[in-house]
Amino acid sequence: MLNLIGYNTRKLGEIFGEGYLQKGDLASARVELTEIADRCGDRCEEYDKLEKAIVIFMTGDDAGRSY
């Protein structure tokens, strides 16, 4: 169910942190990371996931991971 909600949200143009990376929009992904940090700090799971995805995006070292 959550996957379907996410799919529909992306199709409506409302993408979030990792979705920005899929579109190649690093700047917007970083803005999203800052917003997550403002809400829950840099110790929450969402922050960690997006931060790792940004590093992978920047280095090109996906090690079999998808974002």
N, C-alpha and C. Protein backbone atom coordinates (compact mmCIF):
# COMPACT_ATOMS: atom_id res chain seq x y z
N MET A 1 0.82 -1.18 0.00
CA MET A 1 0.00 0.00 0.00
C MET A 1 0.87 1.26 0.00
N LEU A 2 1.89 1.26 0.87
CA LEU A 2 2.77 2.44 0.93
C LEU A 2 3.53 2.63 -0.38
N ASN A 3 3.92 1.54 -1.01
CA ASN A 3 4.60 1.63 -2.29
C ASN A 3 3.71 2.30 -3.32
N LEU A 4 2.45 1.93 -3.35
CA LEU A 4 1.49 2.52 -4.29
C LEU A 4 1.29 4.01 -4.01
N ILE A 5 1.22 4.38 -2.75
CA ILE A 5 1.09 5.80 -2.40
C ILE A 5 2.31 6.57 -2.87
N GLY A 6 3.50 6.00 -2.65
CA GLY A 6 4.73 6.66 -3.11
C GLY A 6 4.78 6.79 -4.61
N TYR A 7 4.36 5.75 -5.31
CA TYR A 7 4.34 5.78 -6.78
C TYR A 7 3.42 6.90 -7.27
N ASN A 8 2.22 6.95 -6.72
CA ASN A 8 1.27 7.99 -7.13
C ASN A 8 1.76 9.39 -6.78
N THR A 9 2.38 9.52 -5.64
CA THR A 9 2.92 10.82 -5.24
C THR A 9 3.98 11.29 -6.23
N ARG A 10 4.88 10.38 -6.63
CA ARG A 10 5.92 10.74 -7.61
C ARG A 10 5.30 11.10 -8.95
N LYS A 11 4.29 10.36 -9.36
CA LYS A 11 3.63 10.65 -10.64
C LYS A 11 2.95 12.01 -10.64
N LEU A 12 2.53 12.46 -9.48
CA LEU A 12 1.93 13.79 -9.37
C LEU A 12 2.97 14.90 -9.33
N GLY A 13 4.24 14.51 -9.34
CA GLY A 13 5.32 15.50 -9.32
C GLY A 13 5.77 15.89 -7.94
N GLU A 14 5.26 15.23 -6.92
CA GLU A 14 5.63 15.54 -5.55
C GLU A 14 6.68 14.52 -5.09
N ILE A 15 7.91 14.76 -5.45
CA ILE A 15 8.96 13.82 -5.09
C ILE A 15 9.71 14.30 -3.86
N PHE A 16 10.41 13.37 -3.22
CA PHE A 16 11.13 13.69 -2.00
C PHE A 16 12.60 13.39 -2.18
N GLY A 17 13.36 13.38 -1.11
CA GLY A 17 14.81 13.31 -1.14
C GLY A 17 15.41 12.34 -2.15
N GLU A 18 15.13 11.05 -2.02
CA GLU A 18 15.73 10.07 -2.92
C GLU A 18 15.16 10.19 -4.33
N GLY A 19 13.94 10.64 -4.44
CA GLY A 19 13.34 10.88 -5.75
C GLY A 19 14.07 11.98 -6.50
N TYR A 20 14.51 13.00 -5.77
CA TYR A 20 15.29 14.06 -6.40
C TYR A 20 16.58 13.50 -6.99
N LEU A 21 17.20 12.58 -6.29
CA LEU A 21 18.43 11.98 -6.80
C LEU A 21 18.16 11.18 -8.06
N GLN A 22 17.04 10.49 -8.11
CA GLN A 22 16.69 9.73 -9.30
C GLN A 22 16.54 10.66 -10.50
N LYS A 23 16.12 11.89 -10.25
CA LYS A 23 15.99 12.87 -11.32
C LYS A 23 17.29 13.63 -11.56
N GLY A 24 18.32 13.36 -10.74
CA GLY A 24 19.60 14.05 -10.90
C GLY A 24 19.66 15.41 -10.25
N ASP A 25 18.72 15.70 -9.35
CA ASP A 25 18.62 17.01 -8.71
C ASP A 25 19.24 16.96 -7.31
N LEU A 26 20.56 17.03 -7.27
CA LEU A 26 21.30 16.95 -6.01
C LEU A 26 20.97 18.12 -5.09
N ALA A 27 20.82 19.30 -5.62
CA ALA A 27 20.54 20.48 -4.79
C ALA A 27 19.24 20.32 -4.02
N SER A 28 18.20 19.84 -4.67
CA SER A 28 16.92 19.66 -3.98
C SER A 28 17.00 18.54 -2.95
N ALA A 29 17.78 17.49 -3.24
CA ALA A 29 17.97 16.42 -2.26
C ALA A 29 18.67 16.94 -1.01
N ARG A 30 19.63 17.83 -1.20
CA ARG A 30 20.32 18.42 -0.04
C ARG A 30 19.39 19.32 0.77
N VAL A 31 18.51 20.04 0.09
CA VAL A 31 17.53 20.86 0.79
C VAL A 31 16.62 19.96 1.63
N GLU A 32 16.21 18.85 1.05
CA GLU A 32 15.36 17.89 1.77
C GLU A 32 16.10 17.33 2.99
N LEU A 33 17.39 17.06 2.83
CA LEU A 33 18.20 16.56 3.95
C LEU A 33 18.24 17.58 5.09
N THR A 34 18.37 18.85 4.75
CA THR A 34 18.36 19.92 5.75
C THR A 34 17.01 19.98 6.46
N GLU A 35 15.93 19.83 5.70
CA GLU A 35 14.60 19.86 6.31
C GLU A 35 14.41 18.68 7.27
N ILE A 36 14.92 17.52 6.90
CA ILE A 36 14.83 16.35 7.78
C ILE A 36 15.62 16.63 9.06
N ALA A 37 16.81 17.20 8.92
CA ALA A 37 17.64 17.51 10.08
C ALA A 37 16.94 18.51 11.00
N ASP A 38 16.23 19.47 10.42
CA ASP A 38 15.50 20.45 11.22
C ASP A 38 14.37 19.80 12.02
N ARG A 39 13.79 18.76 11.46
CA ARG A 39 12.64 18.10 12.11
C ARG A 39 13.07 17.06 13.13
N CYS A 40 14.08 16.26 12.79
CA CYS A 40 14.39 15.15 13.70
C CYS A 40 15.87 15.04 14.03
N GLY A 41 16.65 15.99 13.58
CA GLY A 41 18.08 15.93 13.84
C GLY A 41 18.79 15.02 12.86
N ASP A 42 20.07 14.86 13.06
CA ASP A 42 20.85 14.03 12.13
C ASP A 42 21.02 12.61 12.65
N ARG A 43 20.16 12.20 13.56
CA ARG A 43 20.26 10.86 14.13
C ARG A 43 19.05 9.99 13.79
N CYS A 44 18.14 10.47 12.96
CA CYS A 44 16.96 9.65 12.63
C CYS A 44 17.23 8.82 11.38
N GLU A 45 16.45 7.78 11.22
CA GLU A 45 16.65 6.84 10.12
C GLU A 45 16.51 7.50 8.75
N GLU A 46 15.54 8.38 8.61
CA GLU A 46 15.32 9.04 7.33
C GLU A 46 16.53 9.89 6.93
N TYR A 47 17.12 10.56 7.90
CA TYR A 47 18.30 11.37 7.63
C TYR A 47 19.44 10.47 7.15
N ASP A 48 19.67 9.38 7.88
CA ASP A 48 20.75 8.47 7.53
C ASP A 48 20.59 7.89 6.13
N LYS A 49 19.36 7.50 5.78
CA LYS A 49 19.12 6.91 4.47
C LYS A 49 19.39 7.92 3.35
N LEU A 50 18.88 9.13 3.52
CA LEU A 50 19.08 10.13 2.47
C LEU A 50 20.53 10.56 2.39
N GLU A 51 21.18 10.70 3.53
CA GLU A 51 22.59 11.09 3.52
C GLU A 51 23.43 10.04 2.77
N LYS A 52 23.17 8.76 3.03
CA LYS A 52 23.89 7.69 2.33
C LYS A 52 23.59 7.71 0.84
N ALA A 53 22.33 7.94 0.48
CA ALA A 53 21.96 8.00 -0.93
C ALA A 53 22.66 9.15 -1.63
N ILE A 54 22.80 10.28 -0.95
CA ILE A 54 23.50 11.43 -1.54
C ILE A 54 24.98 11.09 -1.75
N VAL A 55 25.60 10.46 -0.78
CA VAL A 55 27.01 10.08 -0.92
C VAL A 55 27.19 9.12 -2.08
N ILE A 56 26.30 8.14 -2.18
CA ILE A 56 26.36 7.18 -3.29
C ILE A 56 26.17 7.90 -4.61
N PHE A 57 25.24 8.82 -4.67
CA PHE A 57 24.99 9.59 -5.89
C PHE A 57 26.22 10.39 -6.29
N MET A 58 26.87 11.02 -5.32
CA MET A 58 28.02 11.87 -5.60
C MET A 58 29.26 11.06 -5.99
N THR A 59 29.44 9.91 -5.37
CA THR A 59 30.64 9.10 -5.64
C THR A 59 30.45 8.12 -6.77
N GLY A 60 29.21 7.81 -7.08
CA GLY A 60 28.93 6.83 -8.12
C GLY A 60 29.14 5.40 -7.64
N ASP A 61 29.40 5.22 -6.38
CA ASP A 61 29.63 3.89 -5.82
C ASP A 61 28.35 3.37 -5.22
N ASP A 62 27.52 2.74 -6.06
CA ASP A 62 26.23 2.30 -5.56
C ASP A 62 26.29 0.93 -4.88
N ALA A 63 27.32 0.17 -5.10
CA ALA A 63 27.51 -1.14 -4.46
C ALA A 63 26.21 -1.95 -4.48
N GLY A 64 25.51 -1.90 -5.59
CA GLY A 64 24.30 -2.68 -5.73
C GLY A 64 23.08 -2.08 -5.07
N ARG A 65 23.21 -0.87 -4.53
CA ARG A 65 22.09 -0.21 -3.86
C ARG A 65 21.29 0.63 -4.83
N SER A 66 20.03 0.73 -4.58
CA SER A 66 19.22 1.66 -5.35
C SER A 66 18.68 2.71 -4.40
N TYR A 67 18.39 3.88 -4.93
CA TYR A 67 17.75 4.92 -4.14
C TYR A 67 16.54 5.30 -4.85
